[in-house]
């Protein structure tokens, strides 16, 4: 990330359905809560990957 915001940082995982309902394509977006509300941070094919990205984003010790 070019601009790493300070801590504390919070994010949420948002499930997004893509395409029409017959395709059933789902992705999981990691979106900022604090300090950048609604900012798209990343997109993932599974909830597990999105939760891991959330953990890394919020944990100051991993920087």
C-alpha atoms as a PDB file:
ATOM      1  CA  UNK A   1       0.000   0.000   0.000  1.00  0.00           C
ATOM      2  CA  UNK A   2       1.497   3.310  -0.974  1.00  0.00           C
ATOM      3  CA  UNK A   3      -0.276   5.247   1.795  1.00  0.00           C
ATOM      4  CA  UNK A   4      -0.378   3.171   4.942  1.00  0.00           C
ATOM      5  CA  UNK A   5      -2.817   4.822   7.323  1.00  0.00           C
ATOM      6  CA  UNK A   6      -1.936   4.964  10.988  1.00  0.00           C
ATOM      7  CA  UNK A   7      -3.406   2.721  13.618  1.00  0.00           C
ATOM      8  CA  UNK A   8      -5.952   1.792  14.767  1.00  0.00           C
ATOM      9  CA  UNK A   9      -7.224   0.446  11.449  1.00  0.00           C
ATOM     10  CA  UNK A  10     -10.483  -1.393  10.969  1.00  0.00           C
ATOM     11  CA  UNK A  11     -11.990  -3.117   7.970  1.00  0.00           C
ATOM     12  CA  UNK A  12     -15.055  -5.153   7.161  1.00  0.00           C
ATOM     13  CA  UNK A  13     -15.666  -7.986   4.719  1.00  0.00           C
ATOM     14  CA  UNK A  14     -18.555  -7.398   2.313  1.00  0.00           C
ATOM     15  CA  UNK A  15     -20.048 -10.185   0.186  1.00  0.00           C
ATOM     16  CA  UNK A  16     -20.700  -9.018  -3.388  1.00  0.00           C
ATOM     17  CA  UNK A  17     -22.771 -10.897  -5.957  1.00  0.00           C
ATOM     18  CA  UNK A  18     -21.546 -10.275  -9.486  1.00  0.00           C
ATOM     19  CA  UNK A  19     -23.350 -10.770 -12.773  1.00  0.00           C
ATOM     20  CA  UNK A  20     -26.962 -11.852 -13.012  1.00  0.00           C
ATOM     21  CA  UNK A  21     -28.560 -14.192 -10.488  1.00  0.00           C
ATOM     22  CA  UNK A  22     -28.182 -17.259 -12.748  1.00  0.00           C
ATOM     23  CA  UNK A  23     -24.380 -17.030 -12.682  1.00  0.00           C
ATOM     24  CA  UNK A  24     -24.067 -17.066  -8.897  1.00  0.00           C
ATOM     25  CA  UNK A  25     -20.622 -15.443  -8.847  1.00  0.00           C
ATOM     26  CA  UNK A  26     -19.681 -14.158  -5.401  1.00  0.00           C
ATOM     27  CA  UNK A  27     -16.590 -12.289  -4.282  1.00  0.00           C
ATOM     28  CA  UNK A  28     -15.597 -10.824  -0.948  1.00  0.00           C
ATOM     29  CA  UNK A  29     -14.391  -7.245  -0.655  1.00  0.00           C
ATOM     30  CA  UNK A  30     -12.318  -5.883   2.178  1.00  0.00           C
ATOM     31  CA  UNK A  31     -13.494  -2.333   2.839  1.00  0.00           C
ATOM     32  CA  UNK A  32     -12.055   0.208   5.224  1.00  0.00           C
ATOM     33  CA  UNK A  33     -14.028   1.348   8.274  1.00  0.00           C
ATOM     34  CA  UNK A  34     -11.389   3.387  10.168  1.00  0.00           C
ATOM     35  CA  UNK A  35      -9.814   5.691   8.979  1.00  0.00           C
ATOM     36  CA  UNK A  36     -11.156   5.469   5.394  1.00  0.00           C
ATOM     37  CA  UNK A  37     -14.822   4.485   5.524  1.00  0.00           C
ATOM     38  CA  UNK A  38     -15.934   2.562   2.452  1.00  0.00           C
ATOM     39  CA  UNK A  39     -12.514   2.462   0.775  1.00  0.00           C
ATOM     40  CA  UNK A  40     -12.043  -0.736  -1.251  1.00  0.00           C
ATOM     41  CA  UNK A  41      -8.841  -2.314   0.060  1.00  0.00           C
ATOM     42  CA  UNK A  42      -8.900  -5.665  -1.739  1.00  0.00           C
ATOM     43  CA  UNK A  43     -11.120  -8.306  -3.357  1.00  0.00           C
ATOM     44  CA  UNK A  44     -10.976 -12.054  -2.664  1.00  0.00           C
ATOM     45  CA  UNK A  45     -12.558 -15.213  -4.093  1.00  0.00           C
ATOM     46  CA  UNK A  46     -13.252 -16.746  -0.662  1.00  0.00           C
ATOM     47  CA  UNK A  47     -14.326 -15.581   2.777  1.00  0.00           C
ATOM     48  CA  UNK A  48     -11.251 -17.246   4.324  1.00  0.00           C
ATOM     49  CA  UNK A  49      -8.871 -15.195   2.172  1.00  0.00           C
ATOM     50  CA  UNK A  50     -10.788 -12.001   2.933  1.00  0.00           C
ATOM     51  CA  UNK A  51     -10.673 -12.674   6.682  1.00  0.00           C
ATOM     52  CA  UNK A  52      -6.913 -13.313   6.511  1.00  0.00           C
ATOM     53  CA  UNK A  53      -6.423 -10.018   4.647  1.00  0.00           C
ATOM     54  CA  UNK A  54      -8.542  -8.267   7.300  1.00  0.00           C
ATOM     55  CA  UNK A  55      -6.393  -9.731  10.066  1.00  0.00           C
ATOM     56  CA  UNK A  56      -3.186  -8.574   8.332  1.00  0.00           C
ATOM     57  CA  UNK A  57      -4.600  -5.094   7.670  1.00  0.00           C
ATOM     58  CA  UNK A  58      -5.701  -4.543  11.283  1.00  0.00           C
ATOM     59  CA  UNK A  59      -2.687  -6.075  13.094  1.00  0.00           C
ATOM     60  CA  UNK A  60      -0.041  -3.432  13.703  1.00  0.00           C
ATOM     61  CA  UNK A  61       2.559  -6.067  14.683  1.00  0.00           C
ATOM     62  CA  UNK A  62       2.549  -7.493  11.140  1.00  0.00           C
ATOM     63  CA  UNK A  63       3.757  -4.256   9.572  1.00  0.00           C
END
